[in-house]
Amino acid sequence: MMTRKFTVKRSQWLRGTGNAEVVDDHHASYLLNPVNGKMCCWGFYCLAAGAKKKDIRRVGDLNGLGGIVGLPNNNDEIDDPVVRASYAVNDSDNLDDHSRETVLKLMFSTLGIEVKFED
């Protein structure tokens, strides 16, 4: 992975939606939700790494992004247990935002990535 720093803008951050397989597309967790324009934490990473919004729209996880420069493109990175667990932390409806941010910062740091959260 080339980009090692990125920022999550809380006003555009899609989190705490619970199960990503919800029927209501407005609340579905995607890298970029096309209905409300919000992104999960990995959506912000993808844009920082050079992906275009059209590339991540309505994509549920990194598996759908092979071949985009700067993004994980092998199964070891995409299927890393920390990457997989970060989806669950981002989408959990059992965490407050402070706890979610703290856990995600730690998870991304184990991947060698610095994430900042801002308003």
N, C-alpha and C. Protein backbone atom coordinates (compact mmCIF):
# COMPACT_ATOMS: atom_id res chain seq x y z
N MET A 1 0.85 -1.17 0.00
CA MET A 1 0.00 0.00 0.00
C MET A 1 0.89 1.24 0.00
N MET A 2 0.62 2.19 -0.86
CA MET A 2 1.48 3.34 -1.00
C MET A 2 1.11 4.48 -0.04
N THR A 3 -0.15 4.83 0.06
CA THR A 3 -0.55 5.92 0.93
C THR A 3 -0.51 5.45 2.37
N ARG A 4 0.17 6.17 3.21
CA ARG A 4 0.32 5.77 4.60
C ARG A 4 -0.33 6.75 5.56
N LYS A 5 -0.97 7.80 5.06
CA LYS A 5 -1.67 8.77 5.89
C LYS A 5 -2.95 9.17 5.19
N PHE A 6 -4.01 9.32 5.96
CA PHE A 6 -5.24 9.84 5.39
C PHE A 6 -6.09 10.41 6.51
N THR A 7 -7.09 11.21 6.11
CA THR A 7 -7.97 11.88 7.06
C THR A 7 -9.41 11.46 6.81
N VAL A 8 -10.11 11.17 7.89
CA VAL A 8 -11.54 10.88 7.84
C VAL A 8 -12.27 12.13 8.31
N LYS A 9 -13.13 12.66 7.45
CA LYS A 9 -13.95 13.82 7.83
C LYS A 9 -15.24 13.30 8.45
N ARG A 10 -15.43 13.60 9.71
CA ARG A 10 -16.57 13.05 10.44
C ARG A 10 -17.91 13.37 9.78
N SER A 11 -18.04 14.54 9.18
CA SER A 11 -19.31 14.92 8.56
C SER A 11 -19.65 14.07 7.34
N GLN A 12 -18.65 13.42 6.77
CA GLN A 12 -18.84 12.58 5.58
C GLN A 12 -18.62 11.09 5.87
N TRP A 13 -18.44 10.77 7.14
CA TRP A 13 -18.08 9.42 7.55
C TRP A 13 -19.32 8.58 7.82
N LEU A 14 -19.44 7.48 7.12
CA LEU A 14 -20.53 6.52 7.31
C LEU A 14 -20.06 5.47 8.30
N ARG A 15 -20.67 5.45 9.48
CA ARG A 15 -20.25 4.51 10.52
C ARG A 15 -21.43 4.15 11.40
N GLY A 16 -21.26 3.05 12.13
CA GLY A 16 -22.28 2.63 13.08
C GLY A 16 -23.57 2.16 12.47
N THR A 17 -23.49 1.66 11.24
CA THR A 17 -24.71 1.24 10.53
C THR A 17 -25.15 -0.17 10.88
N GLY A 18 -24.35 -0.87 11.66
CA GLY A 18 -24.68 -2.26 11.96
C GLY A 18 -24.36 -3.14 10.77
N ASN A 19 -25.22 -4.08 10.48
CA ASN A 19 -25.01 -5.02 9.39
C ASN A 19 -24.95 -4.31 8.04
N ALA A 20 -23.87 -4.55 7.29
CA ALA A 20 -23.69 -3.91 5.98
C ALA A 20 -24.70 -4.39 4.95
N GLU A 21 -25.42 -5.45 5.25
CA GLU A 21 -26.38 -6.00 4.29
C GLU A 21 -27.80 -5.48 4.54
N VAL A 22 -27.92 -4.23 4.96
CA VAL A 22 -29.24 -3.68 5.22
C VAL A 22 -29.98 -3.47 3.90
N VAL A 23 -31.29 -3.48 3.99
CA VAL A 23 -32.12 -3.32 2.80
C VAL A 23 -32.17 -1.86 2.37
N ASP A 24 -32.15 -0.95 3.32
CA ASP A 24 -32.24 0.48 3.06
C ASP A 24 -30.89 1.00 2.56
N ASP A 25 -30.80 1.32 1.28
CA ASP A 25 -29.54 1.75 0.67
C ASP A 25 -29.00 3.03 1.30
N HIS A 26 -29.87 3.84 1.89
CA HIS A 26 -29.42 5.09 2.51
C HIS A 26 -28.48 4.81 3.67
N HIS A 27 -28.65 3.68 4.35
CA HIS A 27 -27.84 3.35 5.52
C HIS A 27 -26.81 2.25 5.25
N ALA A 28 -26.78 1.72 4.05
CA ALA A 28 -25.85 0.64 3.73
C ALA A 28 -24.41 1.14 3.78
N SER A 29 -23.55 0.31 4.35
CA SER A 29 -22.14 0.67 4.45
C SER A 29 -21.41 0.27 3.17
N TYR A 30 -20.90 1.27 2.50
CA TYR A 30 -20.10 1.08 1.29
C TYR A 30 -18.84 1.92 1.44
N LEU A 31 -17.84 1.65 0.60
CA LEU A 31 -16.70 2.56 0.57
C LEU A 31 -17.21 3.97 0.29
N LEU A 32 -18.18 4.08 -0.64
CA LEU A 32 -18.89 5.33 -0.89
C LEU A 32 -20.35 5.00 -1.14
N ASN A 33 -21.20 5.46 -0.24
CA ASN A 33 -22.63 5.23 -0.38
C ASN A 33 -23.17 6.22 -1.41
N PRO A 34 -23.74 5.74 -2.51
CA PRO A 34 -24.19 6.63 -3.58
C PRO A 34 -25.44 7.43 -3.22
N VAL A 35 -26.16 7.01 -2.21
CA VAL A 35 -27.41 7.69 -1.84
C VAL A 35 -27.13 8.92 -0.99
N ASN A 36 -26.27 8.76 0.04
CA ASN A 36 -26.04 9.89 0.95
C ASN A 36 -24.65 10.51 0.79
N GLY A 37 -23.80 9.92 -0.05
CA GLY A 37 -22.48 10.48 -0.31
C GLY A 37 -21.46 10.25 0.80
N LYS A 38 -21.82 9.46 1.80
CA LYS A 38 -20.89 9.21 2.91
C LYS A 38 -20.03 7.99 2.62
N MET A 39 -18.87 7.94 3.32
CA MET A 39 -17.90 6.86 3.09
C MET A 39 -17.53 6.20 4.41
N CYS A 40 -17.23 4.90 4.34
CA CYS A 40 -16.63 4.24 5.48
C CYS A 40 -15.17 4.69 5.55
N CYS A 41 -14.47 4.29 6.61
CA CYS A 41 -13.09 4.73 6.78
C CYS A 41 -12.21 4.33 5.60
N TRP A 42 -12.44 3.14 5.05
CA TRP A 42 -11.62 2.70 3.91
C TRP A 42 -11.92 3.49 2.64
N GLY A 43 -13.11 4.06 2.53
CA GLY A 43 -13.42 4.92 1.39
C GLY A 43 -12.51 6.15 1.37
N PHE A 44 -12.29 6.74 2.56
CA PHE A 44 -11.39 7.88 2.65
C PHE A 44 -9.96 7.47 2.28
N TYR A 45 -9.56 6.29 2.73
CA TYR A 45 -8.23 5.79 2.39
C TYR A 45 -8.09 5.63 0.88
N CYS A 46 -9.09 5.04 0.26
CA CYS A 46 -9.04 4.80 -1.18
C CYS A 46 -8.88 6.10 -1.96
N LEU A 47 -9.64 7.13 -1.58
CA LEU A 47 -9.51 8.42 -2.28
C LEU A 47 -8.12 9.01 -2.07
N ALA A 48 -7.60 8.90 -0.85
CA ALA A 48 -6.25 9.42 -0.58
C ALA A 48 -5.20 8.66 -1.39
N ALA A 49 -5.48 7.39 -1.67
CA ALA A 49 -4.53 6.57 -2.43
C ALA A 49 -4.66 6.75 -3.93
N GLY A 50 -5.63 7.55 -4.37
CA GLY A 50 -5.73 7.84 -5.79
C GLY A 50 -6.95 7.28 -6.50
N ALA A 51 -7.79 6.55 -5.80
CA ALA A 51 -9.01 6.05 -6.43
C ALA A 51 -9.94 7.22 -6.73
N LYS A 52 -10.79 7.04 -7.69
CA LYS A 52 -11.80 8.04 -8.02
C LYS A 52 -13.11 7.62 -7.36
N LYS A 53 -13.96 8.59 -7.09
CA LYS A 53 -15.23 8.28 -6.44
C LYS A 53 -16.02 7.24 -7.22
N LYS A 54 -15.98 7.31 -8.52
CA LYS A 54 -16.73 6.34 -9.33
C LYS A 54 -16.22 4.91 -9.11
N ASP A 55 -14.93 4.77 -8.74
CA ASP A 55 -14.35 3.45 -8.51
C ASP A 55 -14.84 2.80 -7.22
N ILE A 56 -15.20 3.62 -6.23
CA ILE A 56 -15.55 3.07 -4.91
C ILE A 56 -17.04 3.16 -4.61
N ARG A 57 -17.80 3.76 -5.51
CA ARG A 57 -19.24 3.90 -5.30
C ARG A 57 -19.92 2.53 -5.24
N ARG A 58 -20.69 2.33 -4.19
CA ARG A 58 -21.47 1.10 -3.96
C ARG A 58 -20.58 -0.16 -3.88
N VAL A 59 -19.30 0.01 -3.50
CA VAL A 59 -18.40 -1.13 -3.30
C VAL A 59 -18.34 -1.39 -1.80
N GLY A 60 -18.56 -2.65 -1.40
CA GLY A 60 -18.67 -2.99 0.00
C GLY A 60 -17.36 -3.13 0.75
N ASP A 61 -16.29 -3.50 0.06
CA ASP A 61 -14.99 -3.65 0.71
C ASP A 61 -13.88 -3.60 -0.33
N LEU A 62 -12.66 -3.79 0.12
CA LEU A 62 -11.50 -3.66 -0.77
C LEU A 62 -11.41 -4.74 -1.83
N ASN A 63 -12.13 -5.83 -1.67
CA ASN A 63 -12.06 -6.92 -2.65
C ASN A 63 -12.45 -6.48 -4.05
N GLY A 64 -13.29 -5.49 -4.18
CA GLY A 64 -13.74 -5.04 -5.49
C GLY A 64 -12.85 -4.04 -6.17
N LEU A 65 -11.66 -3.80 -5.63
CA LEU A 65 -10.83 -2.71 -6.14
C LEU A 65 -9.48 -3.13 -6.72
N GLY A 66 -9.28 -4.38 -7.00
CA GLY A 66 -7.99 -4.83 -7.53
C GLY A 66 -7.56 -4.04 -8.75
N GLY A 67 -6.29 -3.70 -8.79
CA GLY A 67 -5.73 -3.04 -9.97
C GLY A 67 -5.71 -1.53 -9.90
N ILE A 68 -6.30 -0.92 -8.88
CA ILE A 68 -6.24 0.53 -8.76
C ILE A 68 -4.92 0.89 -8.09
N VAL A 69 -4.16 1.74 -8.72
CA VAL A 69 -2.84 2.10 -8.23
C VAL A 69 -2.93 2.64 -6.81
N GLY A 70 -2.04 2.14 -5.94
CA GLY A 70 -1.97 2.62 -4.57
C GLY A 70 -2.86 1.88 -3.60
N LEU A 71 -3.69 0.99 -4.11
CA LEU A 71 -4.58 0.25 -3.23
C LEU A 71 -4.11 -1.18 -3.08
N PRO A 72 -4.50 -1.80 -1.97
CA PRO A 72 -4.13 -3.22 -1.83
C PRO A 72 -4.60 -3.99 -3.05
N ASN A 73 -3.74 -4.82 -3.60
CA ASN A 73 -4.13 -5.56 -4.79
C ASN A 73 -3.77 -7.03 -4.72
N ASN A 74 -3.45 -7.49 -3.52
CA ASN A 74 -3.24 -8.93 -3.39
C ASN A 74 -4.03 -9.43 -2.19
N ASN A 75 -4.33 -10.69 -2.19
CA ASN A 75 -5.20 -11.25 -1.17
C ASN A 75 -4.62 -11.15 0.23
N ASP A 76 -3.30 -11.14 0.37
CA ASP A 76 -2.71 -11.03 1.70
C ASP A 76 -3.06 -9.70 2.35
N GLU A 77 -3.03 -8.62 1.57
CA GLU A 77 -3.38 -7.31 2.13
C GLU A 77 -4.89 -7.16 2.29
N ILE A 78 -5.64 -7.52 1.29
CA ILE A 78 -7.09 -7.34 1.33
C ILE A 78 -7.73 -8.21 2.40
N ASP A 79 -7.24 -9.43 2.55
CA ASP A 79 -7.83 -10.37 3.50
C ASP A 79 -7.10 -10.39 4.84
N ASP A 80 -6.24 -9.41 5.08
CA ASP A 80 -5.57 -9.30 6.37
C ASP A 80 -6.64 -9.27 7.47
N PRO A 81 -6.46 -10.02 8.54
CA PRO A 81 -7.46 -10.03 9.62
C PRO A 81 -7.76 -8.65 10.20
N VAL A 82 -6.75 -7.78 10.23
CA VAL A 82 -6.97 -6.43 10.76
C VAL A 82 -7.85 -5.63 9.80
N VAL A 83 -7.63 -5.78 8.50
CA VAL A 83 -8.48 -5.10 7.52
C VAL A 83 -9.92 -5.57 7.68
N ARG A 84 -10.11 -6.87 7.75
CA ARG A 84 -11.46 -7.44 7.90
C ARG A 84 -12.12 -6.95 9.19
N ALA A 85 -11.36 -6.95 10.28
CA ALA A 85 -11.91 -6.51 11.57
C ALA A 85 -12.24 -5.02 11.56
N SER A 86 -11.48 -4.24 10.79
CA SER A 86 -11.75 -2.80 10.75
C SER A 86 -13.11 -2.49 10.12
N TYR A 87 -13.56 -3.33 9.20
CA TYR A 87 -14.90 -3.14 8.64
C TYR A 87 -15.94 -3.26 9.75
N ALA A 88 -15.77 -4.27 10.59
CA ALA A 88 -16.73 -4.50 11.67
C ALA A 88 -16.71 -3.36 12.69
N VAL A 89 -15.53 -2.85 12.99
CA VAL A 89 -15.43 -1.73 13.93
C VAL A 89 -16.09 -0.49 13.34
N ASN A 90 -15.82 -0.21 12.08
CA ASN A 90 -16.43 0.95 11.42
C ASN A 90 -17.95 0.85 11.45
N ASP A 91 -18.48 -0.34 11.21
CA ASP A 91 -19.93 -0.52 11.06
C ASP A 91 -20.65 -0.85 12.37
N SER A 92 -19.91 -1.14 13.42
CA SER A 92 -20.54 -1.55 14.68
C SER A 92 -21.51 -0.49 15.20
N ASP A 93 -22.68 -0.94 15.60
CA ASP A 93 -23.63 -0.01 16.22
C ASP A 93 -23.54 -0.08 17.74
N ASN A 94 -22.48 -0.73 18.26
CA ASN A 94 -22.28 -0.87 19.70
C ASN A 94 -21.13 -0.02 20.23
N LEU A 95 -20.57 0.84 19.39
CA LEU A 95 -19.44 1.69 19.81
C LEU A 95 -19.82 3.16 19.69
N ASP A 96 -19.37 3.97 20.65
CA ASP A 96 -19.50 5.41 20.48
C ASP A 96 -18.36 5.88 19.58
N ASP A 97 -18.46 7.08 19.06
CA ASP A 97 -17.47 7.55 18.09
C ASP A 97 -16.06 7.63 18.66
N HIS A 98 -15.93 8.06 19.91
CA HIS A 98 -14.59 8.15 20.50
C HIS A 98 -13.93 6.77 20.54
N SER A 99 -14.65 5.77 21.00
CA SER A 99 -14.12 4.41 21.06
C SER A 99 -13.81 3.89 19.67
N ARG A 100 -14.71 4.13 18.72
CA ARG A 100 -14.52 3.67 17.34
C ARG A 100 -13.25 4.28 16.75
N GLU A 101 -13.06 5.57 16.95
CA GLU A 101 -11.87 6.24 16.42
C GLU A 101 -10.59 5.70 17.06
N THR A 102 -10.63 5.49 18.36
CA THR A 102 -9.46 4.98 19.07
C THR A 102 -9.06 3.60 18.54
N VAL A 103 -10.04 2.72 18.39
CA VAL A 103 -9.77 1.37 17.92
C VAL A 103 -9.29 1.40 16.47
N LEU A 104 -9.94 2.20 15.62
CA LEU A 104 -9.52 2.26 14.22
C LEU A 104 -8.11 2.82 14.07
N LYS A 105 -7.76 3.84 14.85
CA LYS A 105 -6.39 4.37 14.80
C LYS A 105 -5.38 3.28 15.12
N LEU A 106 -5.67 2.49 16.14
CA LEU A 106 -4.78 1.40 16.52
C LEU A 106 -4.70 0.35 15.42
N MET A 107 -5.84 -0.01 14.86
CA MET A 107 -5.87 -1.03 13.80
C MET A 107 -5.08 -0.56 12.58
N PHE A 108 -5.34 0.67 12.14
CA PHE A 108 -4.61 1.18 10.98
C PHE A 108 -3.11 1.29 11.27
N SER A 109 -2.75 1.64 12.50
CA SER A 109 -1.32 1.76 12.82
C SER A 109 -0.62 0.41 12.70
N THR A 110 -1.33 -0.69 13.01
CA THR A 110 -0.71 -2.01 12.85
C THR A 110 -0.48 -2.35 11.38
N LEU A 111 -1.19 -1.65 10.50
CA LEU A 111 -1.00 -1.82 9.06
C LEU A 111 0.00 -0.81 8.50
N GLY A 112 0.57 0.02 9.39
CA GLY A 112 1.52 1.04 8.95
C GLY A 112 0.87 2.26 8.36
N ILE A 113 -0.40 2.51 8.74
CA ILE A 113 -1.16 3.61 8.19
C ILE A 113 -1.58 4.54 9.31
N GLU A 114 -1.38 5.85 9.11
CA GLU A 114 -1.81 6.85 10.09
C GLU A 114 -3.13 7.46 9.62
N VAL A 115 -4.11 7.40 10.52
CA VAL A 115 -5.41 7.99 10.20
C VAL A 115 -5.70 9.09 11.21
N LYS A 116 -6.26 10.18 10.70
CA LYS A 116 -6.65 11.32 11.52
C LYS A 116 -8.15 11.53 11.31
N PHE A 117 -8.85 11.84 12.38
CA PHE A 117 -10.27 12.14 12.31
C PHE A 117 -10.45 13.61 12.60
N GLU A 118 -11.24 14.30 11.75
CA GLU A 118 -11.48 15.72 11.95
C GLU A 118 -12.91 16.07 11.59
N ASP A 119 -13.36 17.20 12.16
CA ASP A 119 -14.73 17.67 11.86
C ASP A 119 -14.80 18.32 10.51
